[in-house]
């Protein structure tokens, strides 16, 4: 009995799962559009080095956030505001910020589920004032 060779349809889907279109700007922020080959919907992701972390526990420390961020990439700064239960982490590369969000968004840290999002560079100064 001969094995039937599969056509390239399935493998094509895997190869062209996400096509990235970059270079567009909106309000001074460079955007990256991800186009899923299975749907016509295009989602936009902000290309930035800054990550905002919200819903932190009161016991979350600077050292814990720094250790979490170092597993992803090189960190420039970590600003922790324990009273507001928020933190900002600035990475050296925008790819590291995206990876941090993918790994740590909706993760349990110190018995609270954190929310990590990539924000434009100017958002840190406007949220603090």
C-alpha atoms as a PDB file:
ATOM      1  CA  UNK A   1       0.000   0.000   0.000  1.00  0.00           C
ATOM      2  CA  UNK A   2       1.414   3.357  -1.053  1.00  0.00           C
ATOM      3  CA  UNK A   3       1.513   6.283   1.293  1.00  0.00           C
ATOM      4  CA  UNK A   4      -0.210   9.245  -0.185  1.00  0.00           C
ATOM      5  CA  UNK A   5       1.827  12.395  -0.053  1.00  0.00           C
ATOM      6  CA  UNK A   6      -0.025  15.324   1.435  1.00  0.00           C
ATOM      7  CA  UNK A   7      -0.451  18.417  -0.629  1.00  0.00           C
ATOM      8  CA  UNK A   8       1.144  21.629   0.521  1.00  0.00           C
ATOM      9  CA  UNK A   9      -2.088  23.188   1.758  1.00  0.00           C
ATOM     10  CA  UNK A  10      -1.553  22.483   5.449  1.00  0.00           C
ATOM     11  CA  UNK A  11       2.099  23.411   5.470  1.00  0.00           C
ATOM     12  CA  UNK A  12       1.348  26.636   3.584  1.00  0.00           C
ATOM     13  CA  UNK A  13      -0.939  27.726   6.384  1.00  0.00           C
ATOM     14  CA  UNK A  14       1.753  27.169   8.958  1.00  0.00           C
ATOM     15  CA  UNK A  15       4.342  29.088   6.974  1.00  0.00           C
ATOM     16  CA  UNK A  16       2.112  32.060   6.250  1.00  0.00           C
ATOM     17  CA  UNK A  17       0.361  32.168   9.621  1.00  0.00           C
ATOM     18  CA  UNK A  18       1.442  35.695  10.488  1.00  0.00           C
ATOM     19  CA  UNK A  19       2.639  38.209   7.960  1.00  0.00           C
ATOM     20  CA  UNK A  20       3.999  41.396   9.442  1.00  0.00           C
ATOM     21  CA  UNK A  21       3.526  44.801   7.861  1.00  0.00           C
ATOM     22  CA  UNK A  22       5.472  47.543   9.599  1.00  0.00           C
ATOM     23  CA  UNK A  23       6.407  51.122   9.063  1.00  0.00           C
ATOM     24  CA  UNK A  24       3.055  52.901   9.460  1.00  0.00           C
ATOM     25  CA  UNK A  25       2.817  55.716  11.959  1.00  0.00           C
ATOM     26  CA  UNK A  26      -0.148  56.875  14.003  1.00  0.00           C
ATOM     27  CA  UNK A  27       0.216  59.930  16.253  1.00  0.00           C
ATOM     28  CA  UNK A  28       4.005  59.689  16.087  1.00  0.00           C
ATOM     29  CA  UNK A  29       4.047  56.026  17.200  1.00  0.00           C
ATOM     30  CA  UNK A  30       5.295  53.343  14.837  1.00  0.00           C
ATOM     31  CA  UNK A  31       2.759  50.531  14.492  1.00  0.00           C
ATOM     32  CA  UNK A  32       3.139  46.958  13.381  1.00  0.00           C
ATOM     33  CA  UNK A  33       0.171  45.225  11.773  1.00  0.00           C
ATOM     34  CA  UNK A  34      -0.203  41.463  12.056  1.00  0.00           C
ATOM     35  CA  UNK A  35      -2.331  39.859   9.386  1.00  0.00           C
ATOM     36  CA  UNK A  36      -3.627  36.393  10.130  1.00  0.00           C
ATOM     37  CA  UNK A  37      -3.979  34.365   6.931  1.00  0.00           C
ATOM     38  CA  UNK A  38      -7.115  32.637   8.252  1.00  0.00           C
ATOM     39  CA  UNK A  39      -9.035  35.867   8.733  1.00  0.00           C
ATOM     40  CA  UNK A  40      -9.272  39.251   7.086  1.00  0.00           C
ATOM     41  CA  UNK A  41      -8.922  41.084  10.398  1.00  0.00           C
ATOM     42  CA  UNK A  42      -5.715  43.038  10.982  1.00  0.00           C
ATOM     43  CA  UNK A  43      -4.596  43.700  14.529  1.00  0.00           C
ATOM     44  CA  UNK A  44      -2.192  46.471  15.441  1.00  0.00           C
ATOM     45  CA  UNK A  45       0.524  46.269  18.039  1.00  0.00           C
ATOM     46  CA  UNK A  46       2.466  49.250  19.295  1.00  0.00           C
ATOM     47  CA  UNK A  47       6.195  49.116  18.669  1.00  0.00           C
ATOM     48  CA  UNK A  48       7.657  50.510  21.875  1.00  0.00           C
ATOM     49  CA  UNK A  49      10.260  49.648  24.499  1.00  0.00           C
ATOM     50  CA  UNK A  50       7.982  50.557  27.422  1.00  0.00           C
ATOM     51  CA  UNK A  51       5.765  48.045  29.242  1.00  0.00           C
ATOM     52  CA  UNK A  52       3.093  49.010  31.765  1.00  0.00           C
ATOM     53  CA  UNK A  53       2.232  46.497  34.489  1.00  0.00           C
ATOM     54  CA  UNK A  54      -0.973  47.008  36.450  1.00  0.00           C
ATOM     55  CA  UNK A  55      -2.865  45.207  39.222  1.00  0.00           C
ATOM     56  CA  UNK A  56       0.282  44.432  41.194  1.00  0.00           C
ATOM     57  CA  UNK A  57       0.123  43.102  44.715  1.00  0.00           C
ATOM     58  CA  UNK A  58       1.210  45.391  47.538  1.00  0.00           C
ATOM     59  CA  UNK A  59       3.998  42.925  48.354  1.00  0.00           C
ATOM     60  CA  UNK A  60       5.470  42.887  44.825  1.00  0.00           C
ATOM     61  CA  UNK A  61       9.071  44.053  45.005  1.00  0.00           C
ATOM     62  CA  UNK A  62      11.440  45.799  42.635  1.00  0.00           C
ATOM     63  CA  UNK A  63      13.701  42.747  42.674  1.00  0.00           C
ATOM     64  CA  UNK A  64      10.895  40.393  41.551  1.00  0.00           C
ATOM     65  CA  UNK A  65       9.990  42.651  38.615  1.00  0.00           C
ATOM     66  CA  UNK A  66      13.640  42.999  37.639  1.00  0.00           C
ATOM     67  CA  UNK A  67      14.113  39.217  37.698  1.00  0.00           C
ATOM     68  CA  UNK A  68      10.993  38.718  35.558  1.00  0.00           C
ATOM     69  CA  UNK A  69      12.198  41.298  33.046  1.00  0.00           C
ATOM     70  CA  UNK A  70      15.747  39.929  32.863  1.00  0.00           C
ATOM     71  CA  UNK A  71      14.468  36.543  31.701  1.00  0.00           C
ATOM     72  CA  UNK A  72      13.199  38.261  28.531  1.00  0.00           C
ATOM     73  CA  UNK A  73      15.950  40.726  27.640  1.00  0.00           C
ATOM     74  CA  UNK A  74      18.138  43.647  28.672  1.00  0.00           C
ATOM     75  CA  UNK A  75      16.376  46.127  30.955  1.00  0.00           C
ATOM     76  CA  UNK A  76      17.004  49.892  30.989  1.00  0.00           C
ATOM     77  CA  UNK A  77      14.811  50.916  33.935  1.00  0.00           C
ATOM     78  CA  UNK A  78      12.123  49.614  36.282  1.00  0.00           C
ATOM     79  CA  UNK A  79       9.830  52.155  37.967  1.00  0.00           C
ATOM     80  CA  UNK A  80       7.627  50.678  40.698  1.00  0.00           C
ATOM     81  CA  UNK A  81       4.771  52.634  42.296  1.00  0.00           C
ATOM     82  CA  UNK A  82       3.569  50.444  45.179  1.00  0.00           C
ATOM     83  CA  UNK A  83       0.813  52.845  46.220  1.00  0.00           C
ATOM     84  CA  UNK A  84      -0.814  52.858  42.773  1.00  0.00           C
ATOM     85  CA  UNK A  85       0.021  49.139  42.280  1.00  0.00           C
ATOM     86  CA  UNK A  86       1.636  49.895  38.890  1.00  0.00           C
ATOM     87  CA  UNK A  87       5.069  49.553  37.339  1.00  0.00           C
ATOM     88  CA  UNK A  88       6.824  50.620  34.145  1.00  0.00           C
ATOM     89  CA  UNK A  89       9.652  48.604  32.605  1.00  0.00           C
ATOM     90  CA  UNK A  90      11.755  50.016  29.768  1.00  0.00           C
ATOM     91  CA  UNK A  91      13.668  47.476  27.663  1.00  0.00           C
ATOM     92  CA  UNK A  92      16.573  48.045  25.274  1.00  0.00           C
ATOM     93  CA  UNK A  93      14.663  46.490  22.335  1.00  0.00           C
ATOM     94  CA  UNK A  94      10.959  46.676  21.386  1.00  0.00           C
ATOM     95  CA  UNK A  95      11.000  42.924  20.662  1.00  0.00           C
ATOM     96  CA  UNK A  96      11.877  42.247  24.296  1.00  0.00           C
ATOM     97  CA  UNK A  97       8.905  44.335  25.431  1.00  0.00           C
ATOM     98  CA  UNK A  98       6.565  42.359  23.163  1.00  0.00           C
ATOM     99  CA  UNK A  99       7.989  39.078  24.452  1.00  0.00           C
ATOM    100  CA  UNK A 100       7.545  40.183  28.076  1.00  0.00           C
ATOM    101  CA  UNK A 101       3.870  40.943  27.441  1.00  0.00           C
ATOM    102  CA  UNK A 102       3.313  37.601  25.695  1.00  0.00           C
ATOM    103  CA  UNK A 103       4.910  35.693  28.579  1.00  0.00           C
ATOM    104  CA  UNK A 104       3.587  37.616  31.573  1.00  0.00           C
ATOM    105  CA  UNK A 105       0.183  39.123  30.669  1.00  0.00           C
ATOM    106  CA  UNK A 106      -2.504  37.668  32.977  1.00  0.00           C
ATOM    107  CA  UNK A 107       0.078  35.793  35.057  1.00  0.00           C
ATOM    108  CA  UNK A 108      -0.296  35.258  38.801  1.00  0.00           C
ATOM    109  CA  UNK A 109       2.380  37.167  40.713  1.00  0.00           C
ATOM    110  CA  UNK A 110       2.167  37.401  44.515  1.00  0.00           C
ATOM    111  CA  UNK A 111      -1.458  36.190  44.453  1.00  0.00           C
ATOM    112  CA  UNK A 112      -2.678  38.835  41.998  1.00  0.00           C
ATOM    113  CA  UNK A 113      -3.156  38.535  38.250  1.00  0.00           C
ATOM    114  CA  UNK A 114      -1.014  41.181  36.583  1.00  0.00           C
ATOM    115  CA  UNK A 115      -1.907  42.943  33.334  1.00  0.00           C
ATOM    116  CA  UNK A 116       1.065  43.733  31.120  1.00  0.00           C
ATOM    117  CA  UNK A 117       0.708  45.964  28.056  1.00  0.00           C
ATOM    118  CA  UNK A 118       3.093  47.725  25.711  1.00  0.00           C
ATOM    119  CA  UNK A 119       2.490  51.490  25.827  1.00  0.00           C
ATOM    120  CA  UNK A 120       3.854  54.385  23.736  1.00  0.00           C
ATOM    121  CA  UNK A 121       7.014  56.030  25.056  1.00  0.00           C
ATOM    122  CA  UNK A 122       5.243  59.267  26.066  1.00  0.00           C
ATOM    123  CA  UNK A 123       2.603  57.450  28.144  1.00  0.00           C
ATOM    124  CA  UNK A 124       4.797  57.067  31.244  1.00  0.00           C
ATOM    125  CA  UNK A 125       5.201  60.801  31.776  1.00  0.00           C
ATOM    126  CA  UNK A 126       1.512  61.559  31.128  1.00  0.00           C
ATOM    127  CA  UNK A 127       0.225  58.835  33.481  1.00  0.00           C
ATOM    128  CA  UNK A 128       2.463  59.934  36.349  1.00  0.00           C
ATOM    129  CA  UNK A 129       1.273  63.535  36.408  1.00  0.00           C
END
